[in-house]
N, C-alpha and C. Protein backbone atom coordinates (compact mmCIF):
# COMPACT_ATOMS: atom_id res chain seq x y z
N MET A 1 -225.40 77.78 122.56
CA MET A 1 -226.19 76.72 121.97
C MET A 1 -227.51 77.28 121.44
N LEU A 2 -228.17 78.11 122.22
CA LEU A 2 -229.44 78.69 121.78
C LEU A 2 -229.25 79.67 120.64
N ILE A 3 -228.15 80.40 120.66
CA ILE A 3 -227.87 81.35 119.58
C ILE A 3 -227.60 80.61 118.28
N ASN A 4 -226.92 79.47 118.37
CA ASN A 4 -226.66 78.68 117.16
C ASN A 4 -227.96 78.19 116.53
N LEU A 5 -228.90 77.76 117.35
CA LEU A 5 -230.20 77.33 116.85
C LEU A 5 -230.95 78.51 116.22
N ALA A 6 -230.89 79.66 116.86
CA ALA A 6 -231.54 80.85 116.32
C ALA A 6 -230.93 81.23 114.97
N LEU A 7 -229.62 81.16 114.86
CA LEU A 7 -228.96 81.46 113.59
C LEU A 7 -229.37 80.48 112.49
N GLN A 8 -229.46 79.22 112.83
CA GLN A 8 -229.86 78.23 111.84
C GLN A 8 -231.29 78.48 111.36
N LEU A 9 -232.18 78.84 112.28
CA LEU A 9 -233.56 79.13 111.90
C LEU A 9 -233.66 80.40 111.07
N LEU A 10 -232.85 81.41 111.41
CA LEU A 10 -232.85 82.63 110.61
C LEU A 10 -232.33 82.38 109.21
N VAL A 11 -231.28 81.60 109.08
CA VAL A 11 -230.75 81.27 107.76
C VAL A 11 -231.76 80.44 106.97
N LEU A 12 -232.46 79.55 107.62
CA LEU A 12 -233.51 78.78 106.96
C LEU A 12 -234.60 79.72 106.43
N GLY A 13 -234.97 80.71 107.24
CA GLY A 13 -235.95 81.70 106.80
C GLY A 13 -235.47 82.48 105.59
N ILE A 14 -234.20 82.85 105.59
CA ILE A 14 -233.63 83.57 104.46
C ILE A 14 -233.67 82.70 103.20
N VAL A 15 -233.33 81.43 103.33
CA VAL A 15 -233.33 80.52 102.18
C VAL A 15 -234.75 80.36 101.64
N ILE A 16 -235.72 80.20 102.52
CA ILE A 16 -237.10 80.01 102.08
C ILE A 16 -237.62 81.27 101.38
N ILE A 17 -237.40 82.42 101.98
CA ILE A 17 -237.89 83.66 101.37
C ILE A 17 -237.15 83.94 100.06
N SER A 18 -235.85 83.67 100.02
CA SER A 18 -235.09 83.86 98.78
C SER A 18 -235.64 82.97 97.67
N THR A 19 -235.95 81.73 97.99
CA THR A 19 -236.49 80.82 97.00
C THR A 19 -237.86 81.30 96.50
N LEU A 20 -238.70 81.71 97.44
CA LEU A 20 -240.02 82.21 97.05
C LEU A 20 -239.91 83.45 96.16
N LEU A 21 -239.05 84.37 96.52
CA LEU A 21 -238.88 85.57 95.70
C LEU A 21 -238.27 85.25 94.34
N THR A 22 -237.33 84.31 94.31
CA THR A 22 -236.71 83.93 93.05
C THR A 22 -237.73 83.33 92.08
N VAL A 23 -238.70 82.61 92.60
CA VAL A 23 -239.71 81.99 91.76
C VAL A 23 -240.83 82.97 91.41
N THR A 24 -241.31 83.73 92.38
CA THR A 24 -242.50 84.54 92.15
C THR A 24 -242.25 85.85 91.41
N VAL A 25 -241.12 86.50 91.64
CA VAL A 25 -240.88 87.80 91.00
C VAL A 25 -240.86 87.69 89.48
N PRO A 26 -240.12 86.75 88.88
CA PRO A 26 -240.17 86.65 87.41
C PRO A 26 -241.56 86.31 86.87
N ILE A 27 -242.30 85.48 87.60
CA ILE A 27 -243.65 85.13 87.15
C ILE A 27 -244.54 86.37 87.17
N ILE A 28 -244.45 87.14 88.24
CA ILE A 28 -245.27 88.35 88.35
C ILE A 28 -244.88 89.36 87.28
N LEU A 29 -243.59 89.53 87.04
CA LEU A 29 -243.15 90.50 86.05
C LEU A 29 -243.51 90.06 84.63
N ALA A 30 -243.59 88.76 84.37
CA ALA A 30 -243.90 88.27 83.04
C ALA A 30 -245.41 88.26 82.77
N SER A 31 -246.21 88.30 83.80
CA SER A 31 -247.66 88.26 83.62
C SER A 31 -248.20 89.66 83.40
N PRO A 32 -248.99 89.85 82.34
CA PRO A 32 -249.54 91.19 82.07
C PRO A 32 -250.47 91.66 83.19
N GLY A 33 -250.21 92.85 83.68
CA GLY A 33 -251.08 93.46 84.68
C GLY A 33 -250.87 92.99 86.10
N GLN A 34 -250.02 92.01 86.32
CA GLN A 34 -249.83 91.47 87.67
C GLN A 34 -248.95 92.36 88.54
N TRP A 35 -248.09 93.16 87.92
CA TRP A 35 -247.18 93.99 88.70
C TRP A 35 -247.96 94.97 89.56
N GLU A 36 -248.96 95.62 88.98
CA GLU A 36 -249.73 96.61 89.74
C GLU A 36 -250.47 95.98 90.91
N GLN A 37 -250.91 94.76 90.74
CA GLN A 37 -251.65 94.08 91.80
C GLN A 37 -250.73 93.51 92.88
N SER A 38 -249.52 93.15 92.50
CA SER A 38 -248.65 92.40 93.42
C SER A 38 -247.42 93.16 93.90
N LYS A 39 -247.26 94.42 93.50
CA LYS A 39 -246.01 95.09 93.86
C LYS A 39 -245.87 95.31 95.36
N ASN A 40 -246.97 95.52 96.08
CA ASN A 40 -246.86 95.66 97.54
C ASN A 40 -246.39 94.36 98.19
N LEU A 41 -246.86 93.23 97.66
CA LEU A 41 -246.42 91.94 98.17
C LEU A 41 -244.93 91.72 97.92
N ILE A 42 -244.46 92.10 96.74
CA ILE A 42 -243.04 91.95 96.41
C ILE A 42 -242.20 92.87 97.29
N TYR A 43 -242.63 94.11 97.45
CA TYR A 43 -241.88 95.04 98.31
C TYR A 43 -241.86 94.56 99.75
N THR A 44 -242.96 94.00 100.22
CA THR A 44 -243.01 93.47 101.59
C THR A 44 -242.05 92.29 101.73
N GLY A 45 -242.06 91.38 100.76
CA GLY A 45 -241.15 90.24 100.80
C GLY A 45 -239.69 90.67 100.77
N ALA A 46 -239.39 91.66 99.94
CA ALA A 46 -238.01 92.16 99.87
C ALA A 46 -237.61 92.83 101.18
N GLY A 47 -238.54 93.54 101.80
CA GLY A 47 -238.26 94.18 103.08
C GLY A 47 -238.02 93.17 104.19
N ILE A 48 -238.84 92.13 104.21
CA ILE A 48 -238.65 91.06 105.20
C ILE A 48 -237.32 90.37 104.98
N TRP A 49 -236.98 90.12 103.71
CA TRP A 49 -235.71 89.48 103.38
C TRP A 49 -234.54 90.34 103.87
N ALA A 50 -234.57 91.64 103.58
CA ALA A 50 -233.49 92.54 104.00
C ALA A 50 -233.42 92.62 105.52
N GLY A 51 -234.57 92.66 106.17
CA GLY A 51 -234.59 92.67 107.62
C GLY A 51 -233.98 91.41 108.23
N LEU A 52 -234.29 90.28 107.62
CA LEU A 52 -233.71 89.02 108.10
C LEU A 52 -232.19 89.00 107.93
N ILE A 53 -231.71 89.56 106.82
CA ILE A 53 -230.26 89.61 106.59
C ILE A 53 -229.59 90.44 107.69
N ILE A 54 -230.15 91.61 107.96
CA ILE A 54 -229.56 92.50 108.97
C ILE A 54 -229.66 91.87 110.36
N PHE A 55 -230.83 91.31 110.68
CA PHE A 55 -231.03 90.71 112.00
C PHE A 55 -230.12 89.49 112.19
N THR A 56 -229.93 88.70 111.14
CA THR A 56 -229.04 87.55 111.23
C THR A 56 -227.61 87.98 111.46
N GLY A 57 -227.20 89.05 110.79
CA GLY A 57 -225.86 89.58 111.03
C GLY A 57 -225.69 90.07 112.46
N PHE A 58 -226.71 90.71 113.00
CA PHE A 58 -226.66 91.17 114.39
C PHE A 58 -226.54 90.01 115.36
N ILE A 59 -227.40 88.99 115.17
CA ILE A 59 -227.35 87.82 116.05
C ILE A 59 -226.01 87.10 115.91
N ASN A 60 -225.48 87.05 114.70
CA ASN A 60 -224.18 86.40 114.49
C ASN A 60 -223.07 87.16 115.22
N SER A 61 -223.17 88.47 115.28
CA SER A 61 -222.14 89.24 115.99
C SER A 61 -222.20 88.97 117.50
N LEU A 62 -223.37 88.62 118.01
CA LEU A 62 -223.49 88.27 119.42
C LEU A 62 -222.93 86.87 119.71
N ALA A 63 -222.93 86.02 118.71
CA ALA A 63 -222.50 84.64 118.91
C ALA A 63 -220.99 84.50 118.98
N THR A 64 -220.27 85.48 118.46
CA THR A 64 -218.81 85.35 118.43
C THR A 64 -218.16 85.95 119.64
């Protein structure tokens, strides 16, 4: 029961971060000069997203 709740929260986090990245990355890339200022933020967001994917898969393997 607790693992199911954790999985749901992790998937919610993935959806939220995916939505934020889907909206912000094109805006940053289309704005002149914004890439140099924001690339660390984009890389951090992508790293957190990838980490959540891996961690969710790990937790899911424990649930089965």
